[in-house]
Structure formats: structure tokens, C-alpha cells
Amino acid sequence: MTPSAKATEWSIAEHPGVVRARQYMDAFHAWDVEALRDFYDDDVLWHVAGSHRLSGDYRGKDALFDYFRLVRQLTGGSLHLEPESILASDRHIAMFIRVTGRRNDRGLDVLLAQVMKVGPDQRWTEYWAVADDQEAVDAFWA
């Protein structure tokens, strides 16, 4: 580059899906159930992987929030989600989240790759996750 050449400045705005995911994390940490419900489609489908007592599919907001309450009860509210990376497009949001928690004499510390499908109204319609150590997740919930 010569002294007379202009450097190009780049400015990249954060995708609205990333902003929305951060707002979700704030509501989760505050356990603001009403705010959390607004992120999901009425007919949301939530897939829980693994071979433990909570594994399976949860359909609809009521079933999903029953699941969330059970998780909270079983962990004494100790489950903590710390996003490491958030990626978004108009159709999907992906988060790499460090999940830690305690349950009785068991501890959990795993990285989850989570994907949410985004509907036309920006509500999340479907969820999948893959843990970096599914055996540890299964043992935690056993």
C-alpha cells in the first residue's frame, strides 16, 4: 500500500439473531420465565439427546417449560450456561455453550453445540444439541 492509498474500514453489525440469543441468555440467568416463553414458537420441538431420564422430544411451550422446571429442580438451580460463541443467520442460531451444574454428588462441565431453527416470526421452532462428552451428560442425569 502506498502512502496515498486509502485504507478501507470495515464495519460489521451484529446479526439480530446474535442479539436475540444474548437477550435469551440474560433472561435465562434471571430465570424470567415469561420473557423466555416469548423466544419460542407455541409448537416448539426440543430434542434432548442421550440415554438418560430426560432424553427425548418435548413438543410445545408447556412441555418445554415443564422440562426446564424439572431440570432446575433436579439441579437446585445450579445449572449455568456460559456462551462461548454465537452464530446466526435468518434461519438458524447456533451457540457453543459451556454448561456447568451440580446434582447431588455429581458435577457437570460440558461444551454443548446448540442449534435453534428460527421461524418467520423470529421465534425458535426447533432445537438440537450435541455435547462434547455425552457420557458425562448421561451420568449426570442418571
N, C-alpha and C. Protein backbone atom coordinates (compact mmCIF):
# COMPACT_ATOMS: atom_id res chain seq x y z
N MET A 1 0.85 -1.17 0.00
CA MET A 1 0.00 0.00 0.00
C MET A 1 0.89 1.23 0.00
N THR A 2 0.61 2.15 -0.86
CA THR A 2 1.39 3.38 -0.92
C THR A 2 0.84 4.39 0.07
N PRO A 3 1.64 5.38 0.43
CA PRO A 3 1.16 6.38 1.40
C PRO A 3 -0.11 7.10 0.95
N SER A 4 -0.36 7.20 -0.35
CA SER A 4 -1.54 7.91 -0.83
C SER A 4 -2.78 7.00 -0.91
N ALA A 5 -2.58 5.71 -0.79
CA ALA A 5 -3.73 4.79 -0.87
C ALA A 5 -4.54 4.86 0.43
N LYS A 6 -5.84 4.81 0.30
CA LYS A 6 -6.73 4.85 1.46
C LYS A 6 -6.97 3.45 1.99
N ALA A 7 -6.90 3.33 3.28
CA ALA A 7 -7.23 2.04 3.91
C ALA A 7 -8.75 1.93 3.97
N THR A 8 -9.25 0.75 3.73
CA THR A 8 -10.69 0.52 3.79
C THR A 8 -11.05 0.14 5.22
N GLU A 9 -12.03 0.81 5.75
CA GLU A 9 -12.52 0.47 7.09
C GLU A 9 -13.73 -0.44 6.93
N TRP A 10 -13.73 -1.48 7.72
CA TRP A 10 -14.84 -2.43 7.69
C TRP A 10 -15.63 -2.29 8.98
N SER A 11 -16.92 -2.31 8.82
CA SER A 11 -17.79 -2.30 9.99
C SER A 11 -18.84 -3.37 9.76
N ILE A 12 -18.92 -4.28 10.70
CA ILE A 12 -19.89 -5.37 10.57
C ILE A 12 -20.82 -5.30 11.76
N ALA A 13 -22.09 -5.14 11.48
CA ALA A 13 -23.10 -5.10 12.54
C ALA A 13 -23.38 -6.52 13.03
N GLU A 14 -23.71 -6.62 14.29
CA GLU A 14 -24.06 -7.92 14.85
C GLU A 14 -25.41 -8.35 14.29
N HIS A 15 -25.52 -9.60 13.88
CA HIS A 15 -26.77 -10.12 13.33
C HIS A 15 -27.85 -10.05 14.41
N PRO A 16 -29.09 -9.71 14.05
CA PRO A 16 -30.18 -9.66 15.04
C PRO A 16 -30.37 -10.98 15.79
N GLY A 17 -30.05 -12.10 15.15
CA GLY A 17 -30.16 -13.39 15.83
C GLY A 17 -29.16 -13.53 16.97
N VAL A 18 -27.99 -12.94 16.81
CA VAL A 18 -26.98 -12.96 17.88
C VAL A 18 -27.47 -12.10 19.04
N VAL A 19 -28.01 -10.93 18.71
CA VAL A 19 -28.56 -10.05 19.75
C VAL A 19 -29.66 -10.78 20.50
N ARG A 20 -30.52 -11.44 19.77
CA ARG A 20 -31.64 -12.18 20.38
C ARG A 20 -31.13 -13.31 21.28
N ALA A 21 -30.10 -14.02 20.85
CA ALA A 21 -29.53 -15.09 21.66
C ALA A 21 -28.94 -14.54 22.96
N ARG A 22 -28.29 -13.39 22.89
CA ARG A 22 -27.75 -12.76 24.11
C ARG A 22 -28.89 -12.36 25.06
N GLN A 23 -29.97 -11.83 24.50
CA GLN A 23 -31.13 -11.47 25.32
C GLN A 23 -31.72 -12.71 25.99
N TYR A 24 -31.74 -13.81 25.24
CA TYR A 24 -32.22 -15.07 25.79
C TYR A 24 -31.37 -15.50 26.99
N MET A 25 -30.05 -15.43 26.82
CA MET A 25 -29.15 -15.83 27.90
C MET A 25 -29.38 -14.96 29.14
N ASP A 26 -29.59 -13.68 28.95
CA ASP A 26 -29.88 -12.78 30.08
C ASP A 26 -31.16 -13.21 30.79
N ALA A 27 -32.20 -13.52 30.02
CA ALA A 27 -33.48 -13.94 30.61
C ALA A 27 -33.32 -15.29 31.32
N PHE A 28 -32.52 -16.18 30.74
CA PHE A 28 -32.29 -17.49 31.37
C PHE A 28 -31.59 -17.31 32.72
N HIS A 29 -30.54 -16.49 32.75
CA HIS A 29 -29.80 -16.29 34.00
C HIS A 29 -30.66 -15.62 35.07
N ALA A 30 -31.62 -14.78 34.65
CA ALA A 30 -32.53 -14.13 35.60
C ALA A 30 -33.73 -15.03 35.92
N TRP A 31 -33.84 -16.15 35.23
CA TRP A 31 -34.98 -17.07 35.30
C TRP A 31 -36.29 -16.31 35.14
N ASP A 32 -36.34 -15.49 34.08
CA ASP A 32 -37.52 -14.72 33.72
C ASP A 32 -38.34 -15.58 32.76
N VAL A 33 -39.22 -16.41 33.32
CA VAL A 33 -39.95 -17.40 32.54
C VAL A 33 -40.82 -16.75 31.47
N GLU A 34 -41.49 -15.68 31.81
CA GLU A 34 -42.35 -15.01 30.81
C GLU A 34 -41.53 -14.51 29.63
N ALA A 35 -40.38 -13.91 29.91
CA ALA A 35 -39.51 -13.45 28.82
C ALA A 35 -39.00 -14.64 28.01
N LEU A 36 -38.63 -15.72 28.68
CA LEU A 36 -38.12 -16.90 27.98
C LEU A 36 -39.18 -17.50 27.06
N ARG A 37 -40.42 -17.53 27.50
CA ARG A 37 -41.50 -18.10 26.69
C ARG A 37 -41.66 -17.37 25.36
N ASP A 38 -41.36 -16.08 25.35
CA ASP A 38 -41.50 -15.28 24.13
C ASP A 38 -40.51 -15.67 23.04
N PHE A 39 -39.46 -16.38 23.39
CA PHE A 39 -38.46 -16.77 22.39
C PHE A 39 -38.91 -17.98 21.57
N TYR A 40 -39.92 -18.71 22.05
CA TYR A 40 -40.29 -19.98 21.44
C TYR A 40 -41.64 -19.92 20.73
N ASP A 41 -41.72 -20.65 19.65
CA ASP A 41 -42.97 -20.88 18.95
C ASP A 41 -43.88 -21.73 19.85
N ASP A 42 -45.19 -21.56 19.72
CA ASP A 42 -46.12 -22.34 20.55
C ASP A 42 -45.93 -23.84 20.37
N ASP A 43 -45.52 -24.27 19.17
CA ASP A 43 -45.38 -25.69 18.86
C ASP A 43 -43.90 -26.09 18.77
N VAL A 44 -43.03 -25.44 19.54
CA VAL A 44 -41.59 -25.72 19.52
C VAL A 44 -41.34 -27.21 19.73
N LEU A 45 -40.31 -27.72 19.08
CA LEU A 45 -39.88 -29.10 19.25
C LEU A 45 -38.45 -29.08 19.78
N TRP A 46 -38.26 -29.62 20.98
CA TRP A 46 -36.98 -29.59 21.69
C TRP A 46 -36.46 -31.01 21.82
N HIS A 47 -35.32 -31.29 21.21
CA HIS A 47 -34.73 -32.63 21.22
C HIS A 47 -33.64 -32.70 22.30
N VAL A 48 -33.75 -33.65 23.21
CA VAL A 48 -32.72 -33.88 24.23
C VAL A 48 -32.04 -35.20 23.91
N ALA A 49 -30.77 -35.12 23.58
CA ALA A 49 -30.00 -36.31 23.18
C ALA A 49 -29.60 -37.13 24.40
N GLY A 50 -29.12 -38.30 24.14
CA GLY A 50 -28.56 -39.13 25.19
C GLY A 50 -29.44 -40.30 25.56
N SER A 51 -29.01 -40.98 26.61
CA SER A 51 -29.75 -42.14 27.10
C SER A 51 -29.94 -42.00 28.61
N HIS A 52 -30.54 -40.91 29.01
CA HIS A 52 -30.79 -40.65 30.42
C HIS A 52 -32.27 -40.35 30.62
N ARG A 53 -32.67 -40.13 31.83
CA ARG A 53 -34.08 -39.99 32.19
C ARG A 53 -34.78 -38.80 31.53
N LEU A 54 -34.04 -37.79 31.09
CA LEU A 54 -34.65 -36.62 30.46
C LEU A 54 -34.55 -36.65 28.93
N SER A 55 -33.89 -37.67 28.38
CA SER A 55 -33.73 -37.77 26.93
C SER A 55 -35.09 -37.91 26.25
N GLY A 56 -35.17 -37.35 25.06
CA GLY A 56 -36.40 -37.47 24.28
C GLY A 56 -36.79 -36.14 23.68
N ASP A 57 -37.99 -36.09 23.14
CA ASP A 57 -38.50 -34.89 22.49
C ASP A 57 -39.58 -34.25 23.35
N TYR A 58 -39.55 -32.93 23.40
CA TYR A 58 -40.55 -32.15 24.12
C TYR A 58 -41.21 -31.23 23.10
N ARG A 59 -42.53 -31.35 22.95
CA ARG A 59 -43.24 -30.54 21.95
C ARG A 59 -44.18 -29.57 22.64
N GLY A 60 -44.07 -28.32 22.22
CA GLY A 60 -44.93 -27.26 22.74
C GLY A 60 -44.29 -26.54 23.92
N LYS A 61 -44.67 -25.28 24.09
CA LYS A 61 -44.09 -24.47 25.16
C LYS A 61 -44.34 -25.06 26.54
N ASP A 62 -45.54 -25.57 26.78
CA ASP A 62 -45.83 -26.09 28.13
C ASP A 62 -44.94 -27.28 28.46
N ALA A 63 -44.79 -28.21 27.52
CA ALA A 63 -43.92 -29.37 27.75
C ALA A 63 -42.47 -28.92 27.92
N LEU A 64 -42.04 -27.96 27.12
CA LEU A 64 -40.68 -27.46 27.21
C LEU A 64 -40.41 -26.82 28.56
N PHE A 65 -41.34 -26.01 29.04
CA PHE A 65 -41.11 -25.33 30.31
C PHE A 65 -41.31 -26.26 31.51
N ASP A 66 -42.08 -27.32 31.34
CA ASP A 66 -42.11 -28.36 32.37
C ASP A 66 -40.73 -29.03 32.47
N TYR A 67 -40.13 -29.29 31.31
CA TYR A 67 -38.77 -29.85 31.27
C TYR A 67 -37.78 -28.89 31.94
N PHE A 68 -37.83 -27.61 31.58
CA PHE A 68 -36.93 -26.62 32.19
C PHE A 68 -37.08 -26.59 33.71
N ARG A 69 -38.34 -26.62 34.18
CA ARG A 69 -38.57 -26.59 35.63
C ARG A 69 -38.00 -27.84 36.32
N LEU A 70 -38.17 -28.99 35.66
CA LEU A 70 -37.64 -30.24 36.22
C LEU A 70 -36.11 -30.17 36.30
N VAL A 71 -35.47 -29.69 35.25
CA VAL A 71 -34.01 -29.54 35.24
C VAL A 71 -33.59 -28.62 36.38
N ARG A 72 -34.30 -27.53 36.54
CA ARG A 72 -33.99 -26.57 37.60
C ARG A 72 -34.16 -27.21 38.98
N GLN A 73 -35.23 -27.97 39.14
CA GLN A 73 -35.49 -28.65 40.41
C GLN A 73 -34.39 -29.68 40.72
N LEU A 74 -34.06 -30.51 39.72
CA LEU A 74 -33.08 -31.57 39.93
C LEU A 74 -31.67 -31.03 40.21
N THR A 75 -31.37 -29.84 39.72
CA THR A 75 -30.04 -29.25 39.92
C THR A 75 -30.03 -28.19 41.02
N GLY A 76 -31.16 -27.99 41.67
CA GLY A 76 -31.22 -26.95 42.70
C GLY A 76 -30.93 -25.58 42.13
N GLY A 77 -31.22 -25.40 40.85
CA GLY A 77 -30.98 -24.10 40.20
C GLY A 77 -29.51 -23.84 39.91
N SER A 78 -28.66 -24.87 40.01
CA SER A 78 -27.21 -24.67 39.84
C SER A 78 -26.75 -24.69 38.38
N LEU A 79 -27.62 -25.09 37.46
CA LEU A 79 -27.20 -25.19 36.07
C LEU A 79 -26.86 -23.79 35.54
N HIS A 80 -25.67 -23.66 34.99
CA HIS A 80 -25.21 -22.37 34.47
C HIS A 80 -24.80 -22.54 33.02
N LEU A 81 -25.25 -21.62 32.18
CA LEU A 81 -24.92 -21.63 30.76
C LEU A 81 -24.05 -20.42 30.46
N GLU A 82 -22.88 -20.67 29.88
CA GLU A 82 -21.97 -19.59 29.52
C GLU A 82 -21.64 -19.68 28.04
N PRO A 83 -22.20 -18.77 27.22
CA PRO A 83 -21.93 -18.84 25.78
C PRO A 83 -20.46 -18.56 25.47
N GLU A 84 -19.90 -19.41 24.64
CA GLU A 84 -18.53 -19.19 24.16
C GLU A 84 -18.54 -18.57 22.77
N SER A 85 -19.51 -18.96 21.95
CA SER A 85 -19.65 -18.41 20.60
C SER A 85 -21.13 -18.44 20.21
N ILE A 86 -21.54 -17.43 19.48
CA ILE A 86 -22.91 -17.38 18.96
C ILE A 86 -22.82 -17.04 17.48
N LEU A 87 -23.49 -17.85 16.67
CA LEU A 87 -23.54 -17.61 15.22
C LEU A 87 -25.00 -17.53 14.82
N ALA A 88 -25.30 -16.72 13.82
CA ALA A 88 -26.70 -16.60 13.43
C ALA A 88 -26.84 -16.32 11.94
N SER A 89 -27.93 -16.83 11.41
CA SER A 89 -28.41 -16.47 10.08
C SER A 89 -29.89 -16.16 10.25
N ASP A 90 -30.57 -15.89 9.18
CA ASP A 90 -32.00 -15.61 9.28
C ASP A 90 -32.81 -16.86 9.62
N ARG A 91 -32.23 -18.04 9.40
CA ARG A 91 -32.96 -19.30 9.62
C ARG A 91 -32.51 -20.11 10.83
N HIS A 92 -31.28 -19.85 11.31
CA HIS A 92 -30.74 -20.64 12.43
C HIS A 92 -29.90 -19.78 13.36
N ILE A 93 -29.86 -20.21 14.61
CA ILE A 93 -28.93 -19.66 15.59
C ILE A 93 -28.17 -20.85 16.16
N ALA A 94 -26.86 -20.71 16.23
CA ALA A 94 -26.03 -21.75 16.82
C ALA A 94 -25.24 -21.13 17.97
N MET A 95 -25.19 -21.87 19.07
CA MET A 95 -24.42 -21.40 20.22
C MET A 95 -23.54 -22.54 20.72
N PHE A 96 -22.31 -22.19 21.00
CA PHE A 96 -21.43 -23.09 21.71
C PHE A 96 -21.45 -22.62 23.16
N ILE A 97 -21.97 -23.48 24.04
CA ILE A 97 -22.23 -23.07 25.41
C ILE A 97 -21.56 -24.02 26.39
N ARG A 98 -20.84 -23.44 27.34
CA ARG A 98 -20.28 -24.22 28.45
C ARG A 98 -21.39 -24.38 29.47
N VAL A 99 -21.73 -25.63 29.79
CA VAL A 99 -22.80 -25.94 30.73
C VAL A 99 -22.17 -26.56 31.97
N THR A 100 -22.41 -25.94 33.11
CA THR A 100 -21.92 -26.47 34.37
C THR A 100 -23.08 -26.57 35.35
N GLY A 101 -22.96 -27.49 36.28
CA GLY A 101 -24.00 -27.63 37.29
C GLY A 101 -23.66 -28.73 38.28
N ARG A 102 -24.48 -28.80 39.31
CA ARG A 102 -24.34 -29.82 40.35
C ARG A 102 -25.67 -30.52 40.54
N ARG A 103 -25.58 -31.79 40.81
CA ARG A 103 -26.77 -32.58 41.10
C ARG A 103 -26.37 -33.64 42.10
N ASN A 104 -26.89 -33.52 43.32
CA ASN A 104 -26.48 -34.41 44.40
C ASN A 104 -24.95 -34.38 44.51
N ASP A 105 -24.30 -35.52 44.34
CA ASP A 105 -22.83 -35.55 44.44
C ASP A 105 -22.15 -35.51 43.07
N ARG A 106 -22.90 -35.16 42.04
CA ARG A 106 -22.36 -35.18 40.68
C ARG A 106 -22.17 -33.76 40.16
N GLY A 107 -21.12 -33.59 39.38
CA GLY A 107 -20.88 -32.31 38.72
C GLY A 107 -20.96 -32.48 37.21
N LEU A 108 -21.26 -31.39 36.54
CA LEU A 108 -21.33 -31.39 35.07
C LEU A 108 -20.52 -30.22 34.56
N ASP A 109 -19.71 -30.46 33.55
CA ASP A 109 -18.95 -29.41 32.87
C ASP A 109 -18.71 -29.90 31.45
N VAL A 110 -19.60 -29.48 30.53
CA VAL A 110 -19.50 -29.90 29.14
C VAL A 110 -19.70 -28.70 28.22
N LEU A 111 -19.25 -28.87 27.00
CA LEU A 111 -19.50 -27.89 25.96
C LEU A 111 -20.61 -28.43 25.07
N LEU A 112 -21.67 -27.65 24.90
CA LEU A 112 -22.77 -28.04 24.02
C LEU A 112 -22.73 -27.20 22.76
N ALA A 113 -22.90 -27.86 21.62
CA ALA A 113 -23.16 -27.18 20.36
C ALA A 113 -24.67 -27.22 20.18
N GLN A 114 -25.31 -26.07 20.26
CA GLN A 114 -26.77 -25.98 20.19
C GLN A 114 -27.19 -25.27 18.91
N VAL A 115 -28.26 -25.76 18.31
CA VAL A 115 -28.81 -25.12 17.11
C VAL A 115 -30.31 -24.93 17.30
N MET A 116 -30.76 -23.71 17.04
CA MET A 116 -32.18 -23.40 17.07
C MET A 116 -32.62 -23.00 15.66
N LYS A 117 -33.71 -23.58 15.22
CA LYS A 117 -34.31 -23.19 13.95
C LYS A 117 -35.21 -21.98 14.21
N VAL A 118 -35.07 -20.96 13.38
CA VAL A 118 -35.80 -19.70 13.55
C VAL A 118 -36.98 -19.65 12.59
N GLY A 119 -38.16 -19.38 13.13
CA GLY A 119 -39.36 -19.27 12.31
C GLY A 119 -39.50 -17.89 11.70
N PRO A 120 -40.52 -17.70 10.84
CA PRO A 120 -40.72 -16.41 10.16
C PRO A 120 -40.98 -15.25 11.12
N ASP A 121 -41.49 -15.56 12.31
CA ASP A 121 -41.75 -14.50 13.30
C ASP A 121 -40.58 -14.33 14.27
N GLN A 122 -39.45 -14.96 13.95
CA GLN A 122 -38.22 -14.90 14.74
C GLN A 122 -38.27 -15.76 16.01
N ARG A 123 -39.36 -16.48 16.23
CA ARG A 123 -39.42 -17.38 17.38
C ARG A 123 -38.73 -18.69 17.00
N TRP A 124 -38.18 -19.35 18.00
CA TRP A 124 -37.45 -20.59 17.77
C TRP A 124 -38.43 -21.74 17.69
N THR A 125 -38.30 -22.53 16.64
CA THR A 125 -39.26 -23.60 16.36
C THR A 125 -38.72 -24.99 16.66
N GLU A 126 -37.39 -25.15 16.66
CA GLU A 126 -36.81 -26.46 16.91
C GLU A 126 -35.41 -26.30 17.47
N TYR A 127 -35.01 -27.28 18.30
CA TYR A 127 -33.72 -27.21 18.99
C TYR A 127 -33.04 -28.58 18.95
N TRP A 128 -31.73 -28.56 18.70
CA TRP A 128 -30.89 -29.75 18.78
C TRP A 128 -29.62 -29.37 19.52
N ALA A 129 -29.01 -30.34 20.17
CA ALA A 129 -27.72 -30.10 20.82
C ALA A 129 -26.86 -31.36 20.76
N VAL A 130 -25.55 -31.12 20.72
CA VAL A 130 -24.57 -32.20 20.79
C VAL A 130 -23.56 -31.80 21.85
N ALA A 131 -23.33 -32.69 22.80
CA ALA A 131 -22.35 -32.44 23.87
C ALA A 131 -20.99 -32.98 23.46
N ASP A 132 -19.95 -32.33 23.93
CA ASP A 132 -18.61 -32.84 23.66
C ASP A 132 -18.31 -34.09 24.47
N ASP A 133 -19.15 -34.38 25.49
CA ASP A 133 -18.99 -35.59 26.29
C ASP A 133 -20.38 -36.08 26.71
N GLN A 134 -21.06 -36.77 25.80
CA GLN A 134 -22.42 -37.24 26.07
C GLN A 134 -22.45 -38.23 27.23
N GLU A 135 -21.40 -39.02 27.39
CA GLU A 135 -21.36 -39.95 28.51
C GLU A 135 -21.42 -39.21 29.85
N ALA A 136 -20.74 -38.06 29.93
CA ALA A 136 -20.78 -37.27 31.17
C ALA A 136 -22.18 -36.71 31.40
N VAL A 137 -22.86 -36.29 30.34
CA VAL A 137 -24.24 -35.80 30.47
C VAL A 137 -25.15 -36.92 30.94
N ASP A 138 -25.03 -38.09 30.32
CA ASP A 138 -25.86 -39.24 30.72
C ASP A 138 -25.62 -39.61 32.18
N ALA A 139 -24.36 -39.61 32.61
CA ALA A 139 -24.04 -39.96 34.00
C ALA A 139 -24.59 -38.91 34.98
N PHE A 140 -24.55 -37.65 34.58
CA PHE A 140 -25.06 -36.57 35.43
C PHE A 140 -26.55 -36.74 35.71
N TRP A 141 -27.31 -37.13 34.69
CA TRP A 141 -28.76 -37.26 34.83
C TRP A 141 -29.20 -38.66 35.26
N ALA A 142 -28.27 -39.61 35.37
CA ALA A 142 -28.62 -41.00 35.74
C ALA A 142 -29.22 -41.08 37.13
